[in-house]
PDB file of N, CA and C in Angstrom:
ATOM      1  N   MET A   1      15.187  -0.093  13.093  1.00  0.00           N
ATOM      2  CA  MET A   1      16.262  -0.570  12.257  1.00  0.00           C
ATOM      3  C   MET A   1      16.616   0.401  11.140  1.00  0.00           C
ATOM      4  N   VAL A   2      15.679   1.237  10.718  1.00  0.00           N
ATOM      5  CA  VAL A   2      15.969   2.181   9.635  1.00  0.00           C
ATOM      6  C   VAL A   2      16.841   3.294  10.182  1.00  0.00           C
ATOM      7  N   GLY A   3      17.950   3.550   9.516  1.00  0.00           N
ATOM      8  CA  GLY A   3      18.879   4.574   9.970  1.00  0.00           C
ATOM      9  C   GLY A   3      18.897   5.817   9.093  1.00  0.00           C
ATOM     10  N   TRP A   4      18.437   5.716   7.846  1.00  0.00           N
ATOM     11  CA  TRP A   4      18.531   6.833   6.906  1.00  0.00           C
ATOM     12  C   TRP A   4      17.575   6.578   5.760  1.00  0.00           C
ATOM     13  N   PHE A   5      16.988   7.633   5.200  1.00  0.00           N
ATOM     14  CA  PHE A   5      16.168   7.505   3.994  1.00  0.00           C
ATOM     15  C   PHE A   5      16.522   8.630   3.034  1.00  0.00           C
ATOM     16  N   GLU A   6      16.265   8.402   1.753  1.00  0.00           N
ATOM     17  CA  GLU A   6      16.490   9.418   0.724  1.00  0.00           C
ATOM     18  C   GLU A   6      15.252   9.506  -0.151  1.00  0.00           C
ATOM     19  N   ILE A   7      14.791  10.730  -0.372  1.00  0.00           N
ATOM     20  CA  ILE A   7      13.622  10.993  -1.205  1.00  0.00           C
ATOM     21  C   ILE A   7      14.104  11.678  -2.478  1.00  0.00           C
ATOM     22  N   PRO A   8      13.946  11.045  -3.644  1.00  0.00           N
ATOM     23  CA  PRO A   8      14.398  11.630  -4.907  1.00  0.00           C
ATOM     24  C   PRO A   8      13.620  12.891  -5.267  1.00  0.00           C
ATOM     25  N   VAL A   9      14.314  13.878  -5.800  1.00  0.00           N
ATOM     26  CA  VAL A   9      13.668  15.109  -6.249  1.00  0.00           C
ATOM     27  C   VAL A   9      14.218  15.525  -7.604  1.00  0.00           C
ATOM     28  N   GLY A  10      13.411  16.251  -8.356  1.00  0.00           N
ATOM     29  CA  GLY A  10      13.849  16.798  -9.637  1.00  0.00           C
ATOM     30  C   GLY A  10      14.307  18.239  -9.514  1.00  0.00           C
ATOM     31  N   ASP A  11      13.753  18.957  -8.565  1.00  0.00           N
ATOM     32  CA  ASP A  11      14.075  20.364  -8.351  1.00  0.00           C
ATOM     33  C   ASP A  11      14.271  20.565  -6.844  1.00  0.00           C
ATOM     34  N   MET A  12      15.512  20.693  -6.416  1.00  0.00           N
ATOM     35  CA  MET A  12      15.825  20.746  -4.991  1.00  0.00           C
ATOM     36  C   MET A  12      15.191  21.949  -4.303  1.00  0.00           C
ATOM     37  N   LYS A  13      15.239  23.118  -4.931  1.00  0.00           N
ATOM     38  CA  LYS A  13      14.660  24.309  -4.291  1.00  0.00           C
ATOM     39  C   LYS A  13      13.158  24.155  -4.098  1.00  0.00           C
ATOM     40  N   ARG A  14      12.483  23.640  -5.110  1.00  0.00           N
ATOM     41  CA  ARG A  14      11.032  23.444  -5.020  1.00  0.00           C
ATOM     42  C   ARG A  14      10.702  22.406  -3.942  1.00  0.00           C
ATOM     43  N   ALA A  15      11.445  21.302  -3.914  1.00  0.00           N
ATOM     44  CA  ALA A  15      11.214  20.257  -2.920  1.00  0.00           C
ATOM     45  C   ALA A  15      11.489  20.772  -1.507  1.00  0.00           C
ATOM     46  N   LYS A  16      12.577  21.523  -1.340  1.00  0.00           N
ATOM     47  CA  LYS A  16      12.895  22.096  -0.032  1.00  0.00           C
ATOM     48  C   LYS A  16      11.753  22.976   0.450  1.00  0.00           C
ATOM     49  N   GLN A  17      11.245  23.827  -0.415  1.00  0.00           N
ATOM     50  CA  GLN A  17      10.132  24.720  -0.056  1.00  0.00           C
ATOM     51  C   GLN A  17       8.919  23.909   0.387  1.00  0.00           C
ATOM     52  N   PHE A  18       8.618  22.834  -0.330  1.00  0.00           N
ATOM     53  CA  PHE A  18       7.479  21.991   0.018  1.00  0.00           C
ATOM     54  C   PHE A  18       7.641  21.386   1.410  1.00  0.00           C
ATOM     55  N   TYR A  19       8.748  20.705   1.652  1.00  0.00           N
ATOM     56  CA  TYR A  19       8.952  20.020   2.934  1.00  0.00           C
ATOM     57  C   TYR A  19       9.114  21.011   4.092  1.00  0.00           C
ATOM     58  N   ASP A  20       9.803  22.123   3.841  1.00  0.00           N
ATOM     59  CA  ASP A  20       9.911  23.162   4.874  1.00  0.00           C
ATOM     60  C   ASP A  20       8.527  23.666   5.279  1.00  0.00           C
ATOM     61  N   THR A  21       7.657  23.886   4.291  1.00  0.00           N
ATOM     62  CA  THR A  21       6.321  24.409   4.547  1.00  0.00           C
ATOM     63  C   THR A  21       5.434  23.390   5.246  1.00  0.00           C
ATOM     64  N   VAL A  22       5.371  22.179   4.717  1.00  0.00           N
ATOM     65  CA  VAL A  22       4.473  21.160   5.277  1.00  0.00           C
ATOM     66  C   VAL A  22       4.860  20.792   6.706  1.00  0.00           C
ATOM     67  N   PHE A  23       6.171  20.636   6.961  1.00  0.00           N
ATOM     68  CA  PHE A  23       6.611  20.171   8.277  1.00  0.00           C
ATOM     69  C   PHE A  23       7.120  21.283   9.189  1.00  0.00           C
ATOM     70  N   ASP A  24       7.065  22.528   8.720  1.00  0.00           N
ATOM     71  CA  ASP A  24       7.523  23.673   9.508  1.00  0.00           C
ATOM     72  C   ASP A  24       8.937  23.438  10.033  1.00  0.00           C
ATOM     73  N   ILE A  25       9.846  23.145   9.091  1.00  0.00           N
ATOM     74  CA  ILE A  25      11.249  22.852   9.396  1.00  0.00           C
ATOM     75  C   ILE A  25      12.138  23.658   8.468  1.00  0.00           C
ATOM     76  N   SER A  26      13.442  23.489   8.610  1.00  0.00           N
ATOM     77  CA  SER A  26      14.407  24.091   7.689  1.00  0.00           C
ATOM     78  C   SER A  26      15.396  23.019   7.259  1.00  0.00           C
ATOM     79  N   ILE A  27      15.269  22.596   6.018  1.00  0.00           N
ATOM     80  CA  ILE A  27      16.164  21.599   5.442  1.00  0.00           C
ATOM     81  C   ILE A  27      17.445  22.304   5.025  1.00  0.00           C
ATOM     82  N   SER A  28      18.602  21.698   5.349  1.00  0.00           N
ATOM     83  CA  SER A  28      19.886  22.295   4.968  1.00  0.00           C
ATOM     84  C   SER A  28      20.365  21.682   3.655  1.00  0.00           C
ATOM     85  N   LEU A  29      20.798  22.545   2.724  1.00  0.00           N
ATOM     86  CA  LEU A  29      21.213  22.116   1.395  1.00  0.00           C
ATOM     87  C   LEU A  29      22.713  21.881   1.326  1.00  0.00           C
ATOM     88  N   HIS A  30      23.095  20.829   0.568  1.00  0.00           N
ATOM     89  CA  HIS A  30      24.502  20.457   0.404  1.00  0.00           C
ATOM     90  C   HIS A  30      24.706  19.971  -1.024  1.00  0.00           C
ATOM     91  N   ASP A  31      25.848  20.315  -1.618  1.00  0.00           N
ATOM     92  CA  ASP A  31      26.179  19.875  -2.971  1.00  0.00           C
ATOM     93  C   ASP A  31      27.513  19.154  -2.925  1.00  0.00           C
ATOM     94  N   PHE A  32      27.483  17.874  -3.269  1.00  0.00           N
ATOM     95  CA  PHE A  32      28.681  17.049  -3.266  1.00  0.00           C
ATOM     96  C   PHE A  32      29.063  16.731  -4.704  1.00  0.00           C
ATOM     97  N   GLY A  33      29.562  17.746  -5.401  1.00  0.00           N
ATOM     98  CA  GLY A  33      30.011  17.565  -6.776  1.00  0.00           C
ATOM     99  C   GLY A  33      28.918  17.117  -7.723  1.00  0.00           C
ATOM    100  N   GLY A  34      27.757  17.726  -7.643  1.00  0.00           N
ATOM    101  CA  GLY A  34      26.645  17.384  -8.518  1.00  0.00           C
ATOM    102  C   GLY A  34      25.592  16.509  -7.861  1.00  0.00           C
ATOM    103  N   LEU A  35      25.924  15.894  -6.761  1.00  0.00           N
ATOM    104  CA  LEU A  35      24.948  15.149  -5.965  1.00  0.00           C
ATOM    105  C   LEU A  35      24.405  16.118  -4.934  1.00  0.00           C
ATOM    106  N   LYS A  36      23.162  16.585  -5.158  1.00  0.00           N
ATOM    107  CA  LYS A  36      22.569  17.583  -4.269  1.00  0.00           C
ATOM    108  C   LYS A  36      21.728  16.879  -3.208  1.00  0.00           C
ATOM    109  N   MET A  37      21.913  17.322  -1.967  1.00  0.00           N
ATOM    110  CA  MET A  37      21.172  16.746  -0.854  1.00  0.00           C
ATOM    111  C   MET A  37      20.552  17.854  -0.018  1.00  0.00           C
ATOM    112  N   GLY A  38      19.379  17.577   0.496  1.00  0.00           N
ATOM    113  CA  GLY A  38      18.690  18.468   1.422  1.00  0.00           C
ATOM    114  C   GLY A  38      18.406  17.679   2.683  1.00  0.00           C
ATOM    115  N   TRP A  39      19.202  17.911   3.719  1.00  0.00           N
ATOM    116  CA  TRP A  39      19.119  17.113   4.944  1.00  0.00           C
ATOM    117  C   TRP A  39      17.986  17.582   5.841  1.00  0.00           C
ATOM    118  N   PHE A  40      17.154  16.620   6.262  1.00  0.00           N
ATOM    119  CA  PHE A  40      16.127  16.898   7.250  1.00  0.00           C
ATOM    120  C   PHE A  40      16.808  17.163   8.587  1.00  0.00           C
ATOM    121  N   PRO A  41      16.213  18.003   9.429  1.00  0.00           N
ATOM    122  CA  PRO A  41      16.803  18.254  10.750  1.00  0.00           C
ATOM    123  C   PRO A  41      16.897  16.955  11.549  1.00  0.00           C
ATOM    124  N   ASN A  42      17.946  16.860  12.351  1.00  0.00           N
ATOM    125  CA  ASN A  42      18.154  15.672  13.173  1.00  0.00           C
ATOM    126  C   ASN A  42      18.168  16.072  14.640  1.00  0.00           C
ATOM    127  N   ASP A  43      17.400  15.355  15.445  1.00  0.00           N
ATOM    128  CA  ASP A  43      17.379  15.575  16.882  1.00  0.00           C
ATOM    129  C   ASP A  43      17.676  14.252  17.555  1.00  0.00           C
ATOM    130  N   PRO A  44      18.907  14.076  18.068  1.00  0.00           N
ATOM    131  CA  PRO A  44      19.278  12.800  18.671  1.00  0.00           C
ATOM    132  C   PRO A  44      18.437  12.435  19.894  1.00  0.00           C
ATOM    133  N   GLU A  45      17.694  13.385  20.445  1.00  0.00           N
ATOM    134  CA  GLU A  45      16.830  13.113  21.595  1.00  0.00           C
ATOM    135  C   GLU A  45      15.500  12.472  21.181  1.00  0.00           C
ATOM    136  N   LYS A  46      15.198  12.500  19.885  1.00  0.00           N
ATOM    137  CA  LYS A  46      13.947  11.930  19.391  1.00  0.00           C
ATOM    138  C   LYS A  46      14.232  10.610  18.674  1.00  0.00           C
ATOM    139  N   LYS A  47      13.299   9.677  18.781  1.00  0.00           N
ATOM    140  CA  LYS A  47      13.478   8.402  18.107  1.00  0.00           C
ATOM    141  C   LYS A  47      13.093   8.525  16.637  1.00  0.00           C
ATOM    142  N   GLY A  48      13.597   7.616  15.827  1.00  0.00           N
ATOM    143  CA  GLY A  48      13.271   7.586  14.406  1.00  0.00           C
ATOM    144  C   GLY A  48      14.462   7.960  13.545  1.00  0.00           C
ATOM    145  N   ALA A  49      14.391   7.560  12.305  1.00  0.00           N
ATOM    146  CA  ALA A  49      15.456   7.821  11.342  1.00  0.00           C
ATOM    147  C   ALA A  49      15.339   9.236  10.794  1.00  0.00           C
ATOM    148  N   THR A  50      16.455   9.755  10.336  1.00  0.00           N
ATOM    149  CA  THR A  50      16.435  11.003   9.597  1.00  0.00           C
ATOM    150  C   THR A  50      16.839  10.681   8.163  1.00  0.00           C
ATOM    151  N   GLY A  51      16.814  11.683   7.305  1.00  0.00           N
ATOM    152  CA  GLY A  51      17.118  11.416   5.907  1.00  0.00           C
ATOM    153  C   GLY A  51      17.337  12.687   5.130  1.00  0.00           C
ATOM    154  N   SER A  52      17.202  12.540   3.816  1.00  0.00           N
ATOM    155  CA  SER A  52      17.566  13.616   2.918  1.00  0.00           C
ATOM    156  C   SER A  52      16.707  13.615   1.673  1.00  0.00           C
ATOM    157  N   LEU A  53      16.482  14.802   1.141  1.00  0.00           N
ATOM    158  CA  LEU A  53      16.053  14.927  -0.239  1.00  0.00           C
ATOM    159  C   LEU A  53      17.305  14.699  -1.057  1.00  0.00           C
ATOM    160  N   ILE A  54      17.197  14.124  -2.229  1.00  0.00           N
ATOM    161  CA  ILE A  54      18.389  13.878  -3.041  1.00  0.00           C
ATOM    162  C   ILE A  54      18.090  14.111  -4.512  1.00  0.00           C
ATOM    163  N   GLN A  55      18.977  14.867  -5.160  1.00  0.00           N
ATOM    164  CA  GLN A  55      18.825  15.164  -6.585  1.00  0.00           C
ATOM    165  C   GLN A  55      20.074  14.698  -7.309  1.00  0.00           C
ATOM    166  N   HIS A  56      19.893  13.705  -8.180  1.00  0.00           N
ATOM    167  CA  HIS A  56      20.983  13.156  -8.983  1.00  0.00           C
ATOM    168  C   HIS A  56      20.354  12.316 -10.082  1.00  0.00           C
ATOM    169  N   GLU A  57      21.039  12.155 -11.173  1.00  0.00           N
ATOM    170  CA  GLU A  57      20.494  11.403 -12.303  1.00  0.00           C
ATOM    171  C   GLU A  57      20.167   9.951 -11.958  1.00  0.00           C
ATOM    172  N   MET A  58      20.779   9.398 -10.923  1.00  0.00           N
ATOM    173  CA  MET A  58      20.527   8.015 -10.535  1.00  0.00           C
ATOM    174  C   MET A  58      19.231   7.853  -9.719  1.00  0.00           C
ATOM    175  N   TYR A  59      18.609   8.955  -9.307  1.00  0.00           N
ATOM    176  CA  TYR A  59      17.411   8.912  -8.479  1.00  0.00           C
ATOM    177  C   TYR A  59      16.222   9.450  -9.254  1.00  0.00           C
ATOM    178  N   ARG A  60      15.079   8.761  -9.154  1.00  0.00           N
ATOM    179  CA  ARG A  60      13.887   9.177  -9.881  1.00  0.00           C
ATOM    180  C   ARG A  60      12.676   9.173  -8.948  1.00  0.00           C
ATOM    181  N   PRO A  61      11.975  10.302  -8.823  1.00  0.00           N
ATOM    182  CA  PRO A  61      10.765  10.350  -8.002  1.00  0.00           C
ATOM    183  C   PRO A  61       9.696   9.403  -8.541  1.00  0.00           C
ATOM    184  N   SER A  62       8.841   8.896  -7.661  1.00  0.00           N
ATOM    185  CA  SER A  62       7.756   8.029  -8.087  1.00  0.00           C
ATOM    186  C   SER A  62       6.604   8.076  -7.093  1.00  0.00           C
ATOM    187  N   ALA A  63       5.401   8.067  -7.616  1.00  0.00           N
ATOM    188  CA  ALA A  63       4.206   8.022  -6.772  1.00  0.00           C
ATOM    189  C   ALA A  63       3.719   6.592  -6.581  1.00  0.00           C
ATOM    190  N   THR A  64       4.376   5.628  -7.243  1.00  0.00           N
ATOM    191  CA  THR A  64       3.914   4.240  -7.171  1.00  0.00           C
ATOM    192  C   THR A  64       5.010   3.238  -6.846  1.00  0.00           C
ATOM    193  N   ASP A  65       6.251   3.520  -7.205  1.00  0.00           N
ATOM    194  CA  ASP A  65       7.338   2.554  -7.027  1.00  0.00           C
ATOM    195  C   ASP A  65       8.148   2.852  -5.781  1.00  0.00           C
ATOM    196  N   GLY A  66       8.791   1.826  -5.239  1.00  0.00           N
ATOM    197  CA  GLY A  66       9.715   2.015  -4.131  1.00  0.00           C
ATOM    198  C   GLY A  66       9.038   2.026  -2.770  1.00  0.00           C
ATOM    199  N   ALA A  67       9.861   2.267  -1.776  1.00  0.00           N
ATOM    200  CA  ALA A  67       9.396   2.280  -0.384  1.00  0.00           C
ATOM    201  C   ALA A  67       8.496   3.486  -0.127  1.00  0.00           C
ATOM    202  N   LEU A  68       7.655   3.358   0.875  1.00  0.00           N
ATOM    203  CA  LEU A  68       6.792   4.457   1.299  1.00  0.00           C
ATOM    204  C   LEU A  68       7.294   4.952   2.645  1.00  0.00           C
ATOM    205  N   VAL A  69       7.692   6.225   2.711  1.00  0.00           N
ATOM    206  CA  VAL A  69       8.203   6.814   3.945  1.00  0.00           C
ATOM    207  C   VAL A  69       7.040   7.444   4.702  1.00  0.00           C
ATOM    208  N   TYR A  70       6.899   7.081   5.986  1.00  0.00           N
ATOM    209  CA  TYR A  70       5.897   7.665   6.870  1.00  0.00           C
ATOM    210  C   TYR A  70       6.571   8.696   7.764  1.00  0.00           C
ATOM    211  N   PHE A  71       6.048   9.914   7.786  1.00  0.00           N
ATOM    212  CA  PHE A  71       6.542  10.968   8.661  1.00  0.00           C
ATOM    213  C   PHE A  71       5.660  11.023   9.892  1.00  0.00           C
ATOM    214  N   SER A  72       6.260  10.940  11.077  1.00  0.00           N
ATOM    215  CA  SER A  72       5.526  11.006  12.339  1.00  0.00           C
ATOM    216  C   SER A  72       5.148  12.441  12.650  1.00  0.00           C
ATOM    217  N   CYS A  73       3.931  12.627  13.124  1.00  0.00           N
ATOM    218  CA  CYS A  73       3.397  13.950  13.463  1.00  0.00           C
ATOM    219  C   CYS A  73       2.661  13.854  14.794  1.00  0.00           C
ATOM    220  N   LYS A  74       2.542  14.977  15.492  1.00  0.00           N
ATOM    221  CA  LYS A  74       1.726  14.997  16.708  1.00  0.00           C
ATOM    222  C   LYS A  74       0.262  14.790  16.348  1.00  0.00           C
ATOM    223  N   ASP A  75      -0.220  15.551  15.370  1.00  0.00           N
ATOM    224  CA  ASP A  75      -1.563  15.405  14.819  1.00  0.00           C
ATOM    225  C   ASP A  75      -1.443  15.728  13.339  1.00  0.00           C
ATOM    226  N   LEU A  76      -1.539  14.725  12.503  1.00  0.00           N
ATOM    227  CA  LEU A  76      -1.254  14.906  11.078  1.00  0.00           C
ATOM    228  C   LEU A  76      -2.159  15.917  10.399  1.00  0.00           C
ATOM    229  N   ASN A  77      -3.247  16.331  11.048  1.00  0.00           N
ATOM    230  CA  ASN A  77      -4.101  17.381  10.466  1.00  0.00           C
ATOM    231  C   ASN A  77      -3.321  18.668  10.217  1.00  0.00           C
ATOM    232  N   ALA A  78      -2.371  19.004  11.083  1.00  0.00           N
ATOM    233  CA  ALA A  78      -1.594  20.242  10.914  1.00  0.00           C
ATOM    234  C   ALA A  78      -0.778  20.177   9.629  1.00  0.00           C
ATOM    235  N   GLU A  79      -0.026  19.105   9.449  1.00  0.00           N
ATOM    236  CA  GLU A  79       0.792  18.966   8.239  1.00  0.00           C
ATOM    237  C   GLU A  79      -0.088  18.823   7.000  1.00  0.00           C
ATOM    238  N   LEU A  80      -1.144  18.039   7.113  1.00  0.00           N
ATOM    239  CA  LEU A  80      -2.045  17.819   5.987  1.00  0.00           C
ATOM    240  C   LEU A  80      -2.681  19.129   5.518  1.00  0.00           C
ATOM    241  N   SER A  81      -2.946  20.043   6.441  1.00  0.00           N
ATOM    242  CA  SER A  81      -3.562  21.328   6.071  1.00  0.00           C
ATOM    243  C   SER A  81      -2.639  22.211   5.244  1.00  0.00           C
ATOM    244  N   ARG A  82      -1.336  21.904   5.228  1.00  0.00           N
ATOM    245  CA  ARG A  82      -0.377  22.729   4.481  1.00  0.00           C
ATOM    246  C   ARG A  82       0.064  22.096   3.154  1.00  0.00           C
ATOM    247  N   VAL A  83      -0.375  20.877   2.878  1.00  0.00           N
ATOM    248  CA  VAL A  83       0.084  20.150   1.689  1.00  0.00           C
ATOM    249  C   VAL A  83      -0.274  20.858   0.390  1.00  0.00           C
ATOM    250  N   GLU A  84      -1.535  21.197   0.189  1.00  0.00           N
ATOM    251  CA  GLU A  84      -1.962  21.776  -1.082  1.00  0.00           C
ATOM    252  C   GLU A  84      -1.419  23.181  -1.286  1.00  0.00           C
ATOM    253  N   GLU A  85      -1.365  23.997  -0.221  1.00  0.00           N
ATOM    254  CA  GLU A  85      -0.793  25.349  -0.368  1.00  0.00           C
ATOM    255  C   GLU A  85       0.691  25.281  -0.701  1.00  0.00           C
ATOM    256  N   ALA A  86       1.344  24.170  -0.351  1.00  0.00           N
ATOM    257  CA  ALA A  86       2.766  23.995  -0.656  1.00  0.00           C
ATOM    258  C   ALA A  86       2.985  23.358  -2.026  1.00  0.00           C
ATOM    259  N   GLY A  87       1.909  23.027  -2.732  1.00  0.00           N
ATOM    260  CA  GLY A  87       2.018  22.496  -4.087  1.00  0.00           C
ATOM    261  C   GLY A  87       1.852  20.992  -4.200  1.00  0.00           C
ATOM    262  N   GLY A  88       1.548  20.313  -3.102  1.00  0.00           N
ATOM    263  CA  GLY A  88       1.354  18.869  -3.125  1.00  0.00           C
ATOM    264  C   GLY A  88      -0.108  18.506  -3.341  1.00  0.00           C
ATOM    265  N   THR A  89      -0.354  17.211  -3.385  1.00  0.00           N
ATOM    266  CA  THR A  89      -1.696  16.685  -3.590  1.00  0.00           C
ATOM    267  C   THR A  89      -2.009  15.659  -2.506  1.00  0.00           C
ATOM    268  N   ILE A  90      -3.195  15.746  -1.945  1.00  0.00           N
ATOM    269  CA  ILE A  90      -3.626  14.765  -0.950  1.00  0.00           C
ATOM    270  C   ILE A  90      -4.236  13.583  -1.692  1.00  0.00           C
ATOM    271  N   MET A  91      -3.644  12.401  -1.497  1.00  0.00           N
ATOM    272  CA  MET A  91      -4.128  11.182  -2.140  1.00  0.00           C
ATOM    273  C   MET A  91      -5.161  10.467  -1.275  1.00  0.00           C
ATOM    274  N   LYS A  92      -4.955  10.513   0.040  1.00  0.00           N
ATOM    275  CA  LYS A  92      -5.865   9.865   0.986  1.00  0.00           C
ATOM    276  C   LYS A  92      -5.923  10.724   2.233  1.00  0.00           C
ATOM    277  N   GLN A  93      -7.115  11.177   2.573  1.00  0.00           N
ATOM    278  CA  GLN A  93      -7.312  12.005   3.760  1.00  0.00           C
ATOM    279  C   GLN A  93      -7.003  11.203   5.022  1.00  0.00           C
ATOM    280  N   LYS A  94      -6.980  11.879   6.156  1.00  0.00           N
ATOM    281  CA  LYS A  94      -6.729  11.236   7.443  1.00  0.00           C
ATOM    282  C   LYS A  94      -7.656  10.035   7.616  1.00  0.00           C
ATOM    283  N   THR A  95      -7.046   8.889   7.906  1.00  0.00           N
ATOM    284  CA  THR A  95      -7.775   7.634   8.002  1.00  0.00           C
ATOM    285  C   THR A  95      -7.320   6.876   9.233  1.00  0.00           C
ATOM    286  N   ALA A  96      -8.277   6.353  10.000  1.00  0.00           N
ATOM    287  CA  ALA A  96      -7.937   5.539  11.166  1.00  0.00           C
ATOM    288  C   ALA A  96      -7.321   4.226  10.700  1.00  0.00           C
ATOM    289  N   ILE A  97      -6.216   3.844  11.332  1.00  0.00           N
ATOM    290  CA  ILE A  97      -5.564   2.579  10.997  1.00  0.00           C
ATOM    291  C   ILE A  97      -6.280   1.436  11.716  1.00  0.00           C
ATOM    292  N   GLY A  98      -6.726   1.690  12.943  1.00  0.00           N
ATOM    293  CA  GLY A  98      -7.449   0.685  13.711  1.00  0.00           C
ATOM    294  C   GLY A  98      -6.583   0.046  14.776  1.00  0.00           C
ATOM    295  N   GLU A  99      -7.257  -0.586  15.749  1.00  0.00           N
ATOM    296  CA  GLU A  99      -6.599  -1.315  16.829  1.00  0.00           C
ATOM    297  C   GLU A  99      -5.570  -0.479  17.591  1.00  0.00           C
ATOM    298  N   GLY A 100      -5.846   0.817  17.756  1.00  0.00           N
ATOM    299  CA  GLY A 100      -4.964   1.682  18.524  1.00  0.00           C
ATOM    300  C   GLY A 100      -3.686   2.104  17.835  1.00  0.00           C
ATOM    301  N   HIS A 101      -3.612   1.925  16.522  1.00  0.00           N
ATOM    302  CA  HIS A 101      -2.400   2.269  15.774  1.00  0.00           C
ATOM    303  C   HIS A 101      -2.413   3.687  15.212  1.00  0.00           C
ATOM    304  N   GLY A 102      -3.428   4.465  15.557  1.00  0.00           N
ATOM    305  CA  GLY A 102      -3.461   5.863  15.150  1.00  0.00           C
ATOM    306  C   GLY A 102      -4.077   6.095  13.794  1.00  0.00           C
ATOM    307  N   PHE A 103      -3.530   7.114  13.115  1.00  0.00           N
ATOM    308  CA  PHE A 103      -4.085   7.584  11.852  1.00  0.00           C
ATOM    309  C   PHE A 103      -2.990   7.764  10.821  1.00  0.00           C
ATOM    310  N   MET A 104      -3.379   7.715   9.544  1.00  0.00           N
ATOM    311  CA  MET A 104      -2.435   7.937   8.453  1.00  0.00           C
ATOM    312  C   MET A 104      -3.109   8.732   7.352  1.00  0.00           C
ATOM    313  N   ALA A 105      -2.275   9.326   6.504  1.00  0.00           N
ATOM    314  CA  ALA A 105      -2.741  10.015   5.302  1.00  0.00           C
ATOM    315  C   ALA A 105      -1.668   9.841   4.243  1.00  0.00           C
ATOM    316  N   LEU A 106      -2.071   9.838   2.983  1.00  0.00           N
ATOM    317  CA  LEU A 106      -1.134   9.736   1.872  1.00  0.00           C
ATOM    318  C   LEU A 106      -1.156  11.026   1.065  1.00  0.00           C
ATOM    319  N   LEU A 107       0.005  11.418   0.567  1.00  0.00           N
ATOM    320  CA  LEU A 107       0.082  12.606  -0.267  1.00  0.00           C
ATOM    321  C   LEU A 107       1.174  12.453  -1.310  1.00  0.00           C
ATOM    322  N   THR A 108       1.131  13.319  -2.291  1.00  0.00           N
ATOM    323  CA  THR A 108       2.168  13.401  -3.312  1.00  0.00           C
ATOM    324  C   THR A 108       2.846  14.744  -3.152  1.00  0.00           C
ATOM    325  N   ASP A 109       4.187  14.738  -3.102  1.00  0.00           N
ATOM    326  CA  ASP A 109       4.923  15.997  -2.969  1.00  0.00           C
ATOM    327  C   ASP A 109       5.041  16.698  -4.316  1.00  0.00           C
ATOM    328  N   THR A 110       5.709  17.810  -4.362  1.00  0.00           N
ATOM    329  CA  THR A 110       5.860  18.585  -5.601  1.00  0.00           C
ATOM    330  C   THR A 110       6.699  17.864  -6.644  1.00  0.00           C
ATOM    331  N   GLU A 111       7.426  16.843  -6.237  1.00  0.00           N
ATOM    332  CA  GLU A 111       8.308  16.116  -7.151  1.00  0.00           C
ATOM    333  C   GLU A 111       7.661  14.860  -7.721  1.00  0.00           C
ATOM    334  N   GLY A 112       6.463  14.529  -7.225  1.00  0.00           N
ATOM    335  CA  GLY A 112       5.769  13.341  -7.698  1.00  0.00           C
ATOM    336  C   GLY A 112       5.970  12.129  -6.813  1.00  0.00           C
ATOM    337  N   ASN A 113       6.571  12.311  -5.618  1.00  0.00           N
ATOM    338  CA  ASN A 113       6.755  11.205  -4.689  1.00  0.00           C
ATOM    339  C   ASN A 113       5.531  11.013  -3.823  1.00  0.00           C
ATOM    340  N   ARG A 114       5.186   9.761  -3.577  1.00  0.00           N
ATOM    341  CA  ARG A 114       4.141   9.411  -2.610  1.00  0.00           C
ATOM    342  C   ARG A 114       4.814   9.299  -1.246  1.00  0.00           C
ATOM    343  N   ILE A 115       4.292  10.020  -0.267  1.00  0.00           N
ATOM    344  CA  ILE A 115       4.761   9.914   1.113  1.00  0.00           C
ATOM    345  C   ILE A 115       3.534   9.801   2.012  1.00  0.00           C
ATOM    346  N   ALA A 116       3.764   9.433   3.272  1.00  0.00           N
ATOM    347  CA  ALA A 116       2.649   9.256   4.196  1.00  0.00           C
ATOM    348  C   ALA A 116       2.905  10.023   5.481  1.00  0.00           C
ATOM    349  N   LEU A 117       1.831  10.333   6.173  1.00  0.00           N
ATOM    350  CA  LEU A 117       1.872  10.962   7.490  1.00  0.00           C
ATOM    351  C   LEU A 117       1.262   9.973   8.484  1.00  0.00           C
ATOM    352  N   HIS A 118       1.761   9.983   9.706  1.00  0.00           N
ATOM    353  CA  HIS A 118       1.214   9.134  10.770  1.00  0.00           C
ATOM    354  C   HIS A 118       1.151   9.918  12.067  1.00  0.00           C
ATOM    355  N   SER A 119       0.065   9.743  12.810  1.00  0.00           N
ATOM    356  CA  SER A 119      -0.050  10.324  14.148  1.00  0.00           C
ATOM    357  C   SER A 119      -0.974   9.460  14.984  1.00  0.00           C
ATOM    358  N   GLN A 120      -0.876   9.623  16.297  1.00  0.00           N
ATOM    359  CA  GLN A 120      -1.781   8.910  17.197  1.00  0.00           C
ATOM    360  C   GLN A 120      -3.089   9.670  17.381  1.00  0.00           C
ATOM    361  N   ALA A 121      -3.057  10.978  17.119  1.00  0.00           N
ATOM    362  CA  ALA A 121      -4.268  11.800  17.294  1.00  0.00           C
ATOM    363  C   ALA A 121      -4.958  12.031  15.951  1.00  0.00           C
TER     364      ALA A 121
END
């Protein structure tokens, strides 16, 4: 049901570098008259929502408030291994969810947002 998400950032270049590094992607930057967005790559052949980093006075990063976005990974160990070198903080190491639901990890990005990783391996 989720079609789009937005992750608030204070510094778009710093946030782009973090997400590009952790997920080995290239976020495309866009400026809509002061509303700055960094779009995550979209692949219509893959399931799941896509979204954007967003920088505007109406958006505020938070490590405790708001929704928690889970990023799907083949094996979250790969992404987790790049978090600290990219300037983020690991809040919770890889943890089994149980009952065949895979694994998760929590981290804080360079902007102070709490995000999560999920994988089956």
